[in-house]
Amino acid sequence: MGIEEDKKLILDTLKGKTGKTKFYLKDFNGMFPDWKPRDVKKLVNSMVSEGTLEYWSSGSTTLIGLKGAGKQHDAEDEE
């Protein structure tokens, strides 16, 4: 698969998850079992840079999700 297909796989997988909007990096590693974790991280980072995905941090844990999705994002918009 090419980079665009890999990005589409991530987006389709995240959009297909119901009830969950934020994911650990290890969840993305599971989408690409033949890849090294560092390569998956590079792909995710590039999608964050493009504005497709975003990081969310609780202070002790960093999660990744679709840009603008989730309860936390909705609560931030109300302030």
PDB file of N, CA and C in Angstrom:
ATOM      1  N   MET A   1       0.845  -1.192   0.000  1.00  0.00           N
ATOM      2  CA  MET A   1       0.000   0.000   0.000  1.00  0.00           C
ATOM      3  C   MET A   1       0.881   1.242   0.000  1.00  0.00           C
ATOM      4  N   GLY A   2       0.352   2.303  -0.576  1.00  0.00           N
ATOM      5  CA  GLY A   2       1.047   3.571  -0.567  1.00  0.00           C
ATOM      6  C   GLY A   2       0.637   4.402   0.637  1.00  0.00           C
ATOM      7  N   ILE A   3       1.278   5.531   0.802  1.00  0.00           N
ATOM      8  CA  ILE A   3       1.030   6.411   1.947  1.00  0.00           C
ATOM      9  C   ILE A   3      -0.433   6.849   2.005  1.00  0.00           C
ATOM     10  N   GLU A   4      -1.002   7.226   0.877  1.00  0.00           N
ATOM     11  CA  GLU A   4      -2.388   7.694   0.878  1.00  0.00           C
ATOM     12  C   GLU A   4      -3.355   6.588   1.293  1.00  0.00           C
ATOM     13  N   GLU A   5      -3.090   5.372   0.843  1.00  0.00           N
ATOM     14  CA  GLU A   5      -3.930   4.245   1.243  1.00  0.00           C
ATOM     15  C   GLU A   5      -3.778   3.955   2.734  1.00  0.00           C
ATOM     16  N   ASP A   6      -2.560   4.112   3.249  1.00  0.00           N
ATOM     17  CA  ASP A   6      -2.311   3.899   4.674  1.00  0.00           C
ATOM     18  C   ASP A   6      -3.070   4.941   5.506  1.00  0.00           C
ATOM     19  N   LYS A   7      -3.041   6.181   5.056  1.00  0.00           N
ATOM     20  CA  LYS A   7      -3.778   7.246   5.757  1.00  0.00           C
ATOM     21  C   LYS A   7      -5.277   6.983   5.710  1.00  0.00           C
ATOM     22  N   LYS A   8      -5.751   6.517   4.566  1.00  0.00           N
ATOM     23  CA  LYS A   8      -7.175   6.218   4.427  1.00  0.00           C
ATOM     24  C   LYS A   8      -7.583   5.076   5.360  1.00  0.00           C
ATOM     25  N   LEU A   9      -6.722   4.075   5.501  1.00  0.00           N
ATOM     26  CA  LEU A   9      -6.990   2.970   6.423  1.00  0.00           C
ATOM     27  C   LEU A   9      -7.148   3.489   7.849  1.00  0.00           C
ATOM     28  N   ILE A  10      -6.270   4.392   8.250  1.00  0.00           N
ATOM     29  CA  ILE A  10      -6.366   4.977   9.600  1.00  0.00           C
ATOM     30  C   ILE A  10      -7.667   5.736   9.749  1.00  0.00           C
ATOM     31  N   LEU A  11      -7.987   6.598   8.801  1.00  0.00           N
ATOM     32  CA  LEU A  11      -9.210   7.400   8.884  1.00  0.00           C
ATOM     33  C   LEU A  11     -10.459   6.525   8.898  1.00  0.00           C
ATOM     34  N   ASP A  12     -10.507   5.542   8.018  1.00  0.00           N
ATOM     35  CA  ASP A  12     -11.669   4.656   7.964  1.00  0.00           C
ATOM     36  C   ASP A  12     -11.825   3.862   9.255  1.00  0.00           C
ATOM     37  N   THR A  13     -10.714   3.421   9.810  1.00  0.00           N
ATOM     38  CA  THR A  13     -10.756   2.658  11.060  1.00  0.00           C
ATOM     39  C   THR A  13     -11.247   3.532  12.204  1.00  0.00           C
ATOM     40  N   LEU A  14     -10.730   4.748  12.306  1.00  0.00           N
ATOM     41  CA  LEU A  14     -11.151   5.640  13.389  1.00  0.00           C
ATOM     42  C   LEU A  14     -12.609   6.042  13.253  1.00  0.00           C
ATOM     43  N   LYS A  15     -13.052   6.312  12.041  1.00  0.00           N
ATOM     44  CA  LYS A  15     -14.451   6.693  11.829  1.00  0.00           C
ATOM     45  C   LYS A  15     -15.395   5.529  12.101  1.00  0.00           C
ATOM     46  N   GLY A  16     -14.900   4.304  11.930  1.00  0.00           N
ATOM     47  CA  GLY A  16     -15.718   3.124  12.142  1.00  0.00           C
ATOM     48  C   GLY A  16     -15.874   2.733  13.605  1.00  0.00           C
ATOM     49  N   LYS A  17     -15.068   3.309  14.482  1.00  0.00           N
ATOM     50  CA  LYS A  17     -15.154   2.998  15.909  1.00  0.00           C
ATOM     51  C   LYS A  17     -16.307   3.796  16.520  1.00  0.00           C
ATOM     52  N   THR A  18     -17.212   3.109  17.196  1.00  0.00           N
ATOM     53  CA  THR A  18     -18.323   3.800  17.820  1.00  0.00           C
ATOM     54  C   THR A  18     -18.066   3.961  19.305  1.00  0.00           C
ATOM     55  N   GLY A  19     -18.312   5.141  19.807  1.00  0.00           N
ATOM     56  CA  GLY A  19     -18.189   5.398  21.233  1.00  0.00           C
ATOM     57  C   GLY A  19     -16.789   5.765  21.680  1.00  0.00           C
ATOM     58  N   LYS A  20     -15.795   5.546  20.856  1.00  0.00           N
ATOM     59  CA  LYS A  20     -14.421   5.843  21.237  1.00  0.00           C
ATOM     60  C   LYS A  20     -13.837   6.803  20.213  1.00  0.00           C
ATOM     61  N   THR A  21     -13.245   7.902  20.700  1.00  0.00           N
ATOM     62  CA  THR A  21     -12.717   8.893  19.773  1.00  0.00           C
ATOM     63  C   THR A  21     -11.223   9.124  19.925  1.00  0.00           C
ATOM     64  N   LYS A  22     -10.634   8.663  21.017  1.00  0.00           N
ATOM     65  CA  LYS A  22      -9.200   8.857  21.255  1.00  0.00           C
ATOM     66  C   LYS A  22      -8.530   7.501  21.417  1.00  0.00           C
ATOM     67  N   PHE A  23      -7.323   7.381  20.873  1.00  0.00           N
ATOM     68  CA  PHE A  23      -6.640   6.097  20.835  1.00  0.00           C
ATOM     69  C   PHE A  23      -5.181   6.252  21.222  1.00  0.00           C
ATOM     70  N   TYR A  24      -4.632   5.180  21.780  1.00  0.00           N
ATOM     71  CA  TYR A  24      -3.209   5.126  22.079  1.00  0.00           C
ATOM     72  C   TYR A  24      -2.441   4.847  20.791  1.00  0.00           C
ATOM     73  N   LEU A  25      -1.172   5.224  20.782  1.00  0.00           N
ATOM     74  CA  LEU A  25      -0.342   4.957  19.616  1.00  0.00           C
ATOM     75  C   LEU A  25      -0.262   3.454  19.340  1.00  0.00           C
ATOM     76  N   LYS A  26      -0.289   2.639  20.396  1.00  0.00           N
ATOM     77  CA  LYS A  26      -0.226   1.181  20.200  1.00  0.00           C
ATOM     78  C   LYS A  26      -1.430   0.664  19.422  1.00  0.00           C
ATOM     79  N   ASP A  27      -2.566   1.367  19.487  1.00  0.00           N
ATOM     80  CA  ASP A  27      -3.732   0.974  18.687  1.00  0.00           C
ATOM     81  C   ASP A  27      -3.450   1.123  17.193  1.00  0.00           C
ATOM     82  N   PHE A  28      -2.678   2.147  16.851  1.00  0.00           N
ATOM     83  CA  PHE A  28      -2.311   2.361  15.450  1.00  0.00           C
ATOM     84  C   PHE A  28      -1.308   1.305  14.998  1.00  0.00           C
ATOM     85  N   ASN A  29      -0.425   0.893  15.920  1.00  0.00           N
ATOM     86  CA  ASN A  29       0.535  -0.160  15.584  1.00  0.00           C
ATOM     87  C   ASN A  29      -0.192  -1.438  15.187  1.00  0.00           C
ATOM     88  N   GLY A  30      -1.329  -1.705  15.797  1.00  0.00           N
ATOM     89  CA  GLY A  30      -2.106  -2.890  15.463  1.00  0.00           C
ATOM     90  C   GLY A  30      -2.676  -2.872  14.055  1.00  0.00           C
ATOM     91  N   MET A  31      -2.848  -1.672  13.490  1.00  0.00           N
ATOM     92  CA  MET A  31      -3.357  -1.558  12.124  1.00  0.00           C
ATOM     93  C   MET A  31      -2.303  -1.960  11.098  1.00  0.00           C
ATOM     94  N   PHE A  32      -1.031  -1.863  11.508  1.00  0.00           N
ATOM     95  CA  PHE A  32       0.082  -2.159  10.602  1.00  0.00           C
ATOM     96  C   PHE A  32       1.041  -3.142  11.287  1.00  0.00           C
ATOM     97  N   PRO A  33       0.628  -4.392  11.431  1.00  0.00           N
ATOM     98  CA  PRO A  33       1.433  -5.353  12.194  1.00  0.00           C
ATOM     99  C   PRO A  33       2.812  -5.627  11.592  1.00  0.00           C
ATOM    100  N   ASP A  34       2.992  -5.409  10.311  1.00  0.00           N
ATOM    101  CA  ASP A  34       4.281  -5.674   9.672  1.00  0.00           C
ATOM    102  C   ASP A  34       5.235  -4.480   9.758  1.00  0.00           C
ATOM    103  N   TRP A  35       4.749  -3.361  10.255  1.00  0.00           N
ATOM    104  CA  TRP A  35       5.555  -2.149  10.340  1.00  0.00           C
ATOM    105  C   TRP A  35       6.285  -2.079  11.672  1.00  0.00           C
ATOM    106  N   LYS A  36       7.383  -1.340  11.676  1.00  0.00           N
ATOM    107  CA  LYS A  36       8.058  -1.026  12.926  1.00  0.00           C
ATOM    108  C   LYS A  36       7.260   0.098  13.607  1.00  0.00           C
ATOM    109  N   PRO A  37       7.181   0.080  14.937  1.00  0.00           N
ATOM    110  CA  PRO A  37       6.425   1.126  15.650  1.00  0.00           C
ATOM    111  C   PRO A  37       6.875   2.547  15.294  1.00  0.00           C
ATOM    112  N   ARG A  38       8.142   2.725  15.049  1.00  0.00           N
ATOM    113  CA  ARG A  38       8.647   4.063  14.694  1.00  0.00           C
ATOM    114  C   ARG A  38       8.051   4.547  13.370  1.00  0.00           C
ATOM    115  N   ASP A  39       7.888   3.641  12.407  1.00  0.00           N
ATOM    116  CA  ASP A  39       7.309   4.020  11.112  1.00  0.00           C
ATOM    117  C   ASP A  39       5.836   4.396  11.250  1.00  0.00           C
ATOM    118  N   VAL A  40       5.124   3.688  12.119  1.00  0.00           N
ATOM    119  CA  VAL A  40       3.721   4.023  12.374  1.00  0.00           C
ATOM    120  C   VAL A  40       3.641   5.401  13.022  1.00  0.00           C
ATOM    121  N   LYS A  41       4.528   5.660  13.964  1.00  0.00           N
ATOM    122  CA  LYS A  41       4.547   6.960  14.644  1.00  0.00           C
ATOM    123  C   LYS A  41       4.814   8.090  13.648  1.00  0.00           C
ATOM    124  N   LYS A  42       5.719   7.859  12.702  1.00  0.00           N
ATOM    125  CA  LYS A  42       6.005   8.871  11.674  1.00  0.00           C
ATOM    126  C   LYS A  42       4.760   9.165  10.838  1.00  0.00           C
ATOM    127  N   LEU A  43       4.020   8.118  10.478  1.00  0.00           N
ATOM    128  CA  LEU A  43       2.808   8.304   9.687  1.00  0.00           C
ATOM    129  C   LEU A  43       1.764   9.086  10.487  1.00  0.00           C
ATOM    130  N   VAL A  44       1.571   8.715  11.740  1.00  0.00           N
ATOM    131  CA  VAL A  44       0.607   9.415  12.597  1.00  0.00           C
ATOM    132  C   VAL A  44       1.030  10.869  12.777  1.00  0.00           C
ATOM    133  N   ASN A  45       2.310  11.112  13.021  1.00  0.00           N
ATOM    134  CA  ASN A  45       2.802  12.484  13.182  1.00  0.00           C
ATOM    135  C   ASN A  45       2.563  13.312  11.923  1.00  0.00           C
ATOM    136  N   SER A  46       2.738  12.700  10.762  1.00  0.00           N
ATOM    137  CA  SER A  46       2.505  13.441   9.515  1.00  0.00           C
ATOM    138  C   SER A  46       1.029  13.806   9.381  1.00  0.00           C
ATOM    139  N   MET A  47       0.143  12.917   9.833  1.00  0.00           N
ATOM    140  CA  MET A  47      -1.291  13.206   9.770  1.00  0.00           C
ATOM    141  C   MET A  47      -1.670  14.291  10.777  1.00  0.00           C
ATOM    142  N   VAL A  48      -0.989  14.351  11.907  1.00  0.00           N
ATOM    143  CA  VAL A  48      -1.208  15.432  12.871  1.00  0.00           C
ATOM    144  C   VAL A  48      -0.749  16.749  12.261  1.00  0.00           C
ATOM    145  N   SER A  49       0.409  16.737  11.614  1.00  0.00           N
ATOM    146  CA  SER A  49       0.929  17.950  10.968  1.00  0.00           C
ATOM    147  C   SER A  49      -0.002  18.458   9.879  1.00  0.00           C
ATOM    148  N   GLU A  50      -0.648  17.536   9.168  1.00  0.00           N
ATOM    149  CA  GLU A  50      -1.586  17.908   8.103  1.00  0.00           C
ATOM    150  C   GLU A  50      -2.905  18.427   8.664  1.00  0.00           C
ATOM    151  N   GLY A  51      -3.170  18.139   9.942  1.00  0.00           N
ATOM    152  CA  GLY A  51      -4.419  18.580  10.551  1.00  0.00           C
ATOM    153  C   GLY A  51      -5.530  17.549  10.468  1.00  0.00           C
ATOM    154  N   THR A  52      -5.222  16.342  10.054  1.00  0.00           N
ATOM    155  CA  THR A  52      -6.221  15.279   9.965  1.00  0.00           C
ATOM    156  C   THR A  52      -6.481  14.668  11.332  1.00  0.00           C
ATOM    157  N   LEU A  53      -5.407  14.462  12.088  1.00  0.00           N
ATOM    158  CA  LEU A  53      -5.483  13.914  13.441  1.00  0.00           C
ATOM    159  C   LEU A  53      -4.988  14.966  14.423  1.00  0.00           C
ATOM    160  N   GLU A  54      -5.277  14.745  15.704  1.00  0.00           N
ATOM    161  CA  GLU A  54      -4.775  15.659  16.725  1.00  0.00           C
ATOM    162  C   GLU A  54      -4.397  14.874  17.974  1.00  0.00           C
ATOM    163  N   TYR A  55      -3.451  15.438  18.708  1.00  0.00           N
ATOM    164  CA  TYR A  55      -3.075  14.851  19.988  1.00  0.00           C
ATOM    165  C   TYR A  55      -3.981  15.409  21.064  1.00  0.00           C
ATOM    166  N   TRP A  56      -4.251  14.607  22.083  1.00  0.00           N
ATOM    167  CA  TRP A  56      -4.985  15.044  23.258  1.00  0.00           C
ATOM    168  C   TRP A  56      -4.242  14.498  24.464  1.00  0.00           C
ATOM    169  N   SER A  57      -4.000  15.342  25.437  1.00  0.00           N
ATOM    170  CA  SER A  57      -3.240  14.908  26.604  1.00  0.00           C
ATOM    171  C   SER A  57      -4.026  15.164  27.873  1.00  0.00           C
ATOM    172  N   SER A  58      -3.975  14.180  28.775  1.00  0.00           N
ATOM    173  CA  SER A  58      -4.595  14.333  30.091  1.00  0.00           C
ATOM    174  C   SER A  58      -3.573  14.841  31.089  1.00  0.00           C
ATOM    175  N   GLY A  59      -2.355  15.000  30.659  1.00  0.00           N
ATOM    176  CA  GLY A  59      -1.270  15.391  31.533  1.00  0.00           C
ATOM    177  C   GLY A  59      -0.315  14.235  31.764  1.00  0.00           C
ATOM    178  N   SER A  60      -0.862  13.040  31.844  1.00  0.00           N
ATOM    179  CA  SER A  60      -0.006  11.865  32.036  1.00  0.00           C
ATOM    180  C   SER A  60      -0.067  10.909  30.841  1.00  0.00           C
ATOM    181  N   THR A  61      -1.089  11.043  30.033  1.00  0.00           N
ATOM    182  CA  THR A  61      -1.281  10.148  28.891  1.00  0.00           C
ATOM    183  C   THR A  61      -1.579  10.979  27.653  1.00  0.00           C
ATOM    184  N   THR A  62      -0.973  10.606  26.559  1.00  0.00           N
ATOM    185  CA  THR A  62      -1.255  11.277  25.291  1.00  0.00           C
ATOM    186  C   THR A  62      -2.015  10.320  24.392  1.00  0.00           C
ATOM    187  N   LEU A  63      -3.133  10.800  23.893  1.00  0.00           N
ATOM    188  CA  LEU A  63      -3.971  10.016  22.987  1.00  0.00           C
ATOM    189  C   LEU A  63      -4.053  10.733  21.643  1.00  0.00           C
ATOM    190  N   ILE A  64      -4.500  10.010  20.640  1.00  0.00           N
ATOM    191  CA  ILE A  64      -4.602  10.542  19.289  1.00  0.00           C
ATOM    192  C   ILE A  64      -6.007  10.284  18.778  1.00  0.00           C
ATOM    193  N   GLY A  65      -6.587  11.276  18.123  1.00  0.00           N
ATOM    194  CA  GLY A  65      -7.924  11.108  17.569  1.00  0.00           C
ATOM    195  C   GLY A  65      -8.135  11.963  16.345  1.00  0.00           C
ATOM    196  N   LEU A  66      -9.290  11.818  15.746  1.00  0.00           N
ATOM    197  CA  LEU A  66      -9.656  12.640  14.598  1.00  0.00           C
ATOM    198  C   LEU A  66      -9.766  14.089  15.038  1.00  0.00           C
ATOM    199  N   LYS A  67      -9.309  14.976  14.222  1.00  0.00           N
ATOM    200  CA  LYS A  67      -9.369  16.409  14.532  1.00  0.00           C
ATOM    201  C   LYS A  67     -10.818  16.825  14.738  1.00  0.00           C
ATOM    202  N   GLY A  68     -11.106  17.421  15.891  1.00  0.00           N
ATOM    203  CA  GLY A  68     -12.434  17.945  16.179  1.00  0.00           C
ATOM    204  C   GLY A  68     -13.445  16.937  16.688  1.00  0.00           C
ATOM    205  N   ALA A  69     -13.033  15.707  16.941  1.00  0.00           N
ATOM    206  CA  ALA A  69     -13.974  14.681  17.389  1.00  0.00           C
ATOM    207  C   ALA A  69     -13.843  14.440  18.886  1.00  0.00           C
ATOM    208  N   GLY A  70     -14.951  14.096  19.521  1.00  0.00           N
ATOM    209  CA  GLY A  70     -14.911  13.677  20.917  1.00  0.00           C
ATOM    210  C   GLY A  70     -15.554  14.654  21.865  1.00  0.00           C
ATOM    211  N   LYS A  71     -15.899  14.148  23.033  1.00  0.00           N
ATOM    212  CA  LYS A  71     -16.554  14.964  24.065  1.00  0.00           C
ATOM    213  C   LYS A  71     -15.652  16.068  24.558  1.00  0.00           C
ATOM    214  N   GLN A  72     -14.364  15.783  24.708  1.00  0.00           N
ATOM    215  CA  GLN A  72     -13.450  16.794  25.209  1.00  0.00           C
ATOM    216  C   GLN A  72     -13.395  17.980  24.248  1.00  0.00           C
ATOM    217  N   HIS A  73     -13.402  17.699  22.972  1.00  0.00           N
ATOM    218  CA  HIS A  73     -13.345  18.775  21.987  1.00  0.00           C
ATOM    219  C   HIS A  73     -14.620  19.602  22.033  1.00  0.00           C
ATOM    220  N   ASP A  74     -15.765  18.940  22.185  1.00  0.00           N
ATOM    221  CA  ASP A  74     -17.036  19.661  22.266  1.00  0.00           C
ATOM    222  C   ASP A  74     -17.070  20.570  23.493  1.00  0.00           C
ATOM    223  N   ALA A  75     -16.544  20.105  24.606  1.00  0.00           N
ATOM    224  CA  ALA A  75     -16.524  20.907  25.835  1.00  0.00           C
ATOM    225  C   ALA A  75     -15.609  22.110  25.694  1.00  0.00           C
ATOM    226  N   GLU A  76     -14.496  21.967  24.988  1.00  0.00           N
ATOM    227  CA  GLU A  76     -13.578  23.083  24.772  1.00  0.00           C
ATOM    228  C   GLU A  76     -14.215  24.155  23.903  1.00  0.00           C
ATOM    229  N   ASP A  77     -15.055  23.757  22.957  1.00  0.00           N
ATOM    230  CA  ASP A  77     -15.710  24.723  22.073  1.00  0.00           C
ATOM    231  C   ASP A  77     -16.728  25.589  22.816  1.00  0.00           C
ATOM    232  N   GLU A  78     -17.304  25.058  23.891  1.00  0.00           N
ATOM    233  CA  GLU A  78     -18.339  25.772  24.634  1.00  0.00           C
ATOM    234  C   GLU A  78     -17.760  26.887  25.498  1.00  0.00           C
ATOM    235  N   GLU A  79     -16.483  26.814  25.823  1.00  0.00           N
ATOM    236  CA  GLU A  79     -15.877  27.816  26.720  1.00  0.00           C
ATOM    237  C   GLU A  79     -15.663  29.143  26.048  1.00  0.00           C
TER     238      GLU A  79
END
